[in-house]
Amino acid sequence: MRVKLDKESDALYVRIDESEIVESEEVEPGIILDFSADGRVVGMYWG
């Protein structure tokens, strides 16, 4: 797992595993989930 904090933009990204990201979806304003080919969440962005 990797965590990145961007203090300038006040954003946080958490990468759960290194699977290829095939789709991203904004599920709430400012919250984006990254999905693998088998539909698992592999990354999350809050900003």
PDB file of N, CA and C in Angstrom:
ATOM      1  N   MET A   1       0.859  -1.168   0.000  1.00  0.00           N
ATOM      2  CA  MET A   1       0.000   0.000   0.000  1.00  0.00           C
ATOM      3  C   MET A   1       0.909   1.235   0.000  1.00  0.00           C
ATOM      4  N   ARG A   2       0.505   2.221  -0.791  1.00  0.00           N
ATOM      5  CA  ARG A   2       1.210   3.503  -0.844  1.00  0.00           C
ATOM      6  C   ARG A   2       0.232   4.611  -0.498  1.00  0.00           C
ATOM      7  N   VAL A   3       0.729   5.618   0.196  1.00  0.00           N
ATOM      8  CA  VAL A   3      -0.087   6.773   0.546  1.00  0.00           C
ATOM      9  C   VAL A   3       0.665   8.019   0.119  1.00  0.00           C
ATOM     10  N   LYS A   4      -0.040   8.916  -0.593  1.00  0.00           N
ATOM     11  CA  LYS A   4       0.557  10.182  -1.018  1.00  0.00           C
ATOM     12  C   LYS A   4      -0.322  11.319  -0.533  1.00  0.00           C
ATOM     13  N   LEU A   5       0.295  12.290   0.102  1.00  0.00           N
ATOM     14  CA  LEU A   5      -0.404  13.479   0.568  1.00  0.00           C
ATOM     15  C   LEU A   5       0.157  14.676  -0.175  1.00  0.00           C
ATOM     16  N   ASP A   6      -0.705  15.413  -0.854  1.00  0.00           N
ATOM     17  CA  ASP A   6      -0.306  16.633  -1.550  1.00  0.00           C
ATOM     18  C   ASP A   6      -0.821  17.815  -0.735  1.00  0.00           C
ATOM     19  N   LYS A   7       0.068  18.427   0.026  1.00  0.00           N
ATOM     20  CA  LYS A   7      -0.336  19.517   0.911  1.00  0.00           C
ATOM     21  C   LYS A   7      -0.786  20.748   0.130  1.00  0.00           C
ATOM     22  N   GLU A   8      -0.183  20.979  -1.040  1.00  0.00           N
ATOM     23  CA  GLU A   8      -0.572  22.140  -1.856  1.00  0.00           C
ATOM     24  C   GLU A   8      -2.025  22.080  -2.281  1.00  0.00           C
ATOM     25  N   SER A   9      -2.458  20.917  -2.751  1.00  0.00           N
ATOM     26  CA  SER A   9      -3.836  20.783  -3.227  1.00  0.00           C
ATOM     27  C   SER A   9      -4.761  20.192  -2.162  1.00  0.00           C
ATOM     28  N   ASP A  10      -4.209  19.897  -0.978  1.00  0.00           N
ATOM     29  CA  ASP A  10      -4.983  19.315   0.117  1.00  0.00           C
ATOM     30  C   ASP A  10      -5.698  18.044  -0.352  1.00  0.00           C
ATOM     31  N   ALA A  11      -4.913  17.125  -0.943  1.00  0.00           N
ATOM     32  CA  ALA A  11      -5.464  15.890  -1.494  1.00  0.00           C
ATOM     33  C   ALA A  11      -4.688  14.692  -0.954  1.00  0.00           C
ATOM     34  N   LEU A  12      -5.373  13.570  -0.844  1.00  0.00           N
ATOM     35  CA  LEU A  12      -4.774  12.329  -0.374  1.00  0.00           C
ATOM     36  C   LEU A  12      -5.081  11.231  -1.385  1.00  0.00           C
ATOM     37  N   TYR A  13      -4.049  10.414  -1.715  1.00  0.00           N
ATOM     38  CA  TYR A  13      -4.249   9.266  -2.592  1.00  0.00           C
ATOM     39  C   TYR A  13      -3.715   8.028  -1.890  1.00  0.00           C
ATOM     40  N   VAL A  14      -4.542   6.985  -1.821  1.00  0.00           N
ATOM     41  CA  VAL A  14      -4.146   5.709  -1.231  1.00  0.00           C
ATOM     42  C   VAL A  14      -4.222   4.660  -2.325  1.00  0.00           C
ATOM     43  N   ARG A  15      -3.093   4.002  -2.587  1.00  0.00           N
ATOM     44  CA  ARG A  15      -3.035   2.927  -3.577  1.00  0.00           C
ATOM     45  C   ARG A  15      -2.979   1.607  -2.823  1.00  0.00           C
ATOM     46  N   ILE A  16      -4.018   0.800  -2.926  1.00  0.00           N
ATOM     47  CA  ILE A  16      -4.141  -0.425  -2.153  1.00  0.00           C
ATOM     48  C   ILE A  16      -3.274  -1.541  -2.714  1.00  0.00           C
ATOM     49  N   ASP A  17      -3.277  -1.709  -4.028  1.00  0.00           N
ATOM     50  CA  ASP A  17      -2.355  -2.665  -4.651  1.00  0.00           C
ATOM     51  C   ASP A  17      -1.959  -2.151  -6.024  1.00  0.00           C
ATOM     52  N   GLU A  18      -1.029  -2.847  -6.656  1.00  0.00           N
ATOM     53  CA  GLU A  18      -0.437  -2.360  -7.903  1.00  0.00           C
ATOM     54  C   GLU A  18      -1.097  -2.924  -9.159  1.00  0.00           C
ATOM     55  N   SER A  19      -2.300  -3.453  -9.045  1.00  0.00           N
ATOM     56  CA  SER A  19      -3.029  -3.917 -10.228  1.00  0.00           C
ATOM     57  C   SER A  19      -3.250  -2.752 -11.183  1.00  0.00           C
ATOM     58  N   GLU A  20      -3.363  -3.073 -12.459  1.00  0.00           N
ATOM     59  CA  GLU A  20      -3.621  -2.048 -13.464  1.00  0.00           C
ATOM     60  C   GLU A  20      -4.984  -1.401 -13.212  1.00  0.00           C
ATOM     61  N   ILE A  21      -5.028  -0.084 -13.311  1.00  0.00           N
ATOM     62  CA  ILE A  21      -6.281   0.648 -13.178  1.00  0.00           C
ATOM     63  C   ILE A  21      -6.950   0.686 -14.548  1.00  0.00           C
ATOM     64  N   VAL A  22      -8.173   0.154 -14.623  1.00  0.00           N
ATOM     65  CA  VAL A  22      -8.879   0.136 -15.905  1.00  0.00           C
ATOM     66  C   VAL A  22     -10.067   1.095 -15.921  1.00  0.00           C
ATOM     67  N   GLU A  23     -10.476   1.556 -14.741  1.00  0.00           N
ATOM     68  CA  GLU A  23     -11.614   2.467 -14.666  1.00  0.00           C
ATOM     69  C   GLU A  23     -11.507   3.286 -13.386  1.00  0.00           C
ATOM     70  N   SER A  24     -11.947   4.534 -13.471  1.00  0.00           N
ATOM     71  CA  SER A  24     -12.038   5.403 -12.300  1.00  0.00           C
ATOM     72  C   SER A  24     -13.434   6.002 -12.267  1.00  0.00           C
ATOM     73  N   GLU A  25     -13.951   6.176 -11.054  1.00  0.00           N
ATOM     74  CA  GLU A  25     -15.298   6.716 -10.915  1.00  0.00           C
ATOM     75  C   GLU A  25     -15.344   7.685  -9.741  1.00  0.00           C
ATOM     76  N   GLU A  26     -15.912   8.868  -9.981  1.00  0.00           N
ATOM     77  CA  GLU A  26     -16.125   9.822  -8.905  1.00  0.00           C
ATOM     78  C   GLU A  26     -17.421   9.423  -8.210  1.00  0.00           C
ATOM     79  N   VAL A  27     -17.304   8.908  -6.998  1.00  0.00           N
ATOM     80  CA  VAL A  27     -18.468   8.381  -6.281  1.00  0.00           C
ATOM     81  C   VAL A  27     -19.155   9.442  -5.437  1.00  0.00           C
ATOM     82  N   GLU A  28     -18.460  10.470  -5.069  1.00  0.00           N
ATOM     83  CA  GLU A  28     -18.958  11.645  -4.354  1.00  0.00           C
ATOM     84  C   GLU A  28     -18.095  12.806  -4.837  1.00  0.00           C
ATOM     85  N   PRO A  29     -18.569  14.027  -4.726  1.00  0.00           N
ATOM     86  CA  PRO A  29     -17.715  15.147  -5.140  1.00  0.00           C
ATOM     87  C   PRO A  29     -16.369  15.112  -4.401  1.00  0.00           C
ATOM     88  N   GLY A  30     -15.286  15.039  -5.165  1.00  0.00           N
ATOM     89  CA  GLY A  30     -13.943  15.024  -4.599  1.00  0.00           C
ATOM     90  C   GLY A  30     -13.437  13.671  -4.152  1.00  0.00           C
ATOM     91  N   ILE A  31     -14.226  12.598  -4.366  1.00  0.00           N
ATOM     92  CA  ILE A  31     -13.800  11.246  -3.998  1.00  0.00           C
ATOM     93  C   ILE A  31     -13.831  10.369  -5.241  1.00  0.00           C
ATOM     94  N   ILE A  32     -12.664   9.879  -5.629  1.00  0.00           N
ATOM     95  CA  ILE A  32     -12.535   9.067  -6.841  1.00  0.00           C
ATOM     96  C   ILE A  32     -11.984   7.698  -6.462  1.00  0.00           C
ATOM     97  N   LEU A  33     -12.626   6.647  -6.966  1.00  0.00           N
ATOM     98  CA  LEU A  33     -12.159   5.278  -6.767  1.00  0.00           C
ATOM     99  C   LEU A  33     -11.577   4.761  -8.073  1.00  0.00           C
ATOM    100  N   ASP A  34     -10.441   4.072  -7.984  1.00  0.00           N
ATOM    101  CA  ASP A  34      -9.812   3.414  -9.125  1.00  0.00           C
ATOM    102  C   ASP A  34     -10.086   1.921  -9.024  1.00  0.00           C
ATOM    103  N   PHE A  35     -10.472   1.310 -10.144  1.00  0.00           N
ATOM    104  CA  PHE A  35     -10.843  -0.100 -10.170  1.00  0.00           C
ATOM    105  C   PHE A  35      -9.919  -0.906 -11.071  1.00  0.00           C
ATOM    106  N   SER A  36      -9.684  -2.170 -10.692  1.00  0.00           N
ATOM    107  CA  SER A  36      -8.932  -3.115 -11.517  1.00  0.00           C
ATOM    108  C   SER A  36      -9.880  -3.774 -12.519  1.00  0.00           C
ATOM    109  N   ALA A  37      -9.328  -4.615 -13.380  1.00  0.00           N
ATOM    110  CA  ALA A  37     -10.129  -5.303 -14.396  1.00  0.00           C
ATOM    111  C   ALA A  37     -11.189  -6.208 -13.782  1.00  0.00           C
ATOM    112  N   ASP A  38     -10.925  -6.749 -12.590  1.00  0.00           N
ATOM    113  CA  ASP A  38     -11.918  -7.629 -11.959  1.00  0.00           C
ATOM    114  C   ASP A  38     -12.845  -6.885 -11.004  1.00  0.00           C
ATOM    115  N   GLY A  39     -12.838  -5.550 -11.062  1.00  0.00           N
ATOM    116  CA  GLY A  39     -13.798  -4.751 -10.307  1.00  0.00           C
ATOM    117  C   GLY A  39     -13.407  -4.403  -8.883  1.00  0.00           C
ATOM    118  N   ARG A  40     -12.182  -4.769  -8.481  1.00  0.00           N
ATOM    119  CA  ARG A  40     -11.735  -4.432  -7.124  1.00  0.00           C
ATOM    120  C   ARG A  40     -11.258  -2.989  -7.061  1.00  0.00           C
ATOM    121  N   VAL A  41     -11.481  -2.336  -5.921  1.00  0.00           N
ATOM    122  CA  VAL A  41     -10.951  -0.994  -5.700  1.00  0.00           C
ATOM    123  C   VAL A  41      -9.461  -1.133  -5.414  1.00  0.00           C
ATOM    124  N   VAL A  42      -8.637  -0.445  -6.207  1.00  0.00           N
ATOM    125  CA  VAL A  42      -7.187  -0.517  -6.013  1.00  0.00           C
ATOM    126  C   VAL A  42      -6.591   0.828  -5.627  1.00  0.00           C
ATOM    127  N   GLY A  43      -7.388   1.896  -5.695  1.00  0.00           N
ATOM    128  CA  GLY A  43      -6.913   3.205  -5.297  1.00  0.00           C
ATOM    129  C   GLY A  43      -8.060   4.117  -4.927  1.00  0.00           C
ATOM    130  N   MET A  44      -7.771   5.075  -4.035  1.00  0.00           N
ATOM    131  CA  MET A  44      -8.790   6.030  -3.592  1.00  0.00           C
ATOM    132  C   MET A  44      -8.160   7.411  -3.523  1.00  0.00           C
ATOM    133  N   TYR A  45      -8.874   8.416  -3.998  1.00  0.00           N
ATOM    134  CA  TYR A  45      -8.405   9.792  -4.014  1.00  0.00           C
ATOM    135  C   TYR A  45      -9.435  10.670  -3.300  1.00  0.00           C
ATOM    136  N   TRP A  46      -8.965  11.477  -2.382  1.00  0.00           N
ATOM    137  CA  TRP A  46      -9.804  12.472  -1.714  1.00  0.00           C
ATOM    138  C   TRP A  46      -9.151  13.823  -1.936  1.00  0.00           C
ATOM    139  N   GLY A  47      -9.877  14.751  -2.473  1.00  0.00           N
ATOM    140  CA  GLY A  47      -9.264  16.055  -2.687  1.00  0.00           C
ATOM    141  C   GLY A  47     -10.237  17.103  -3.101  1.00  0.00           C
TER     142      GLY A  47
END
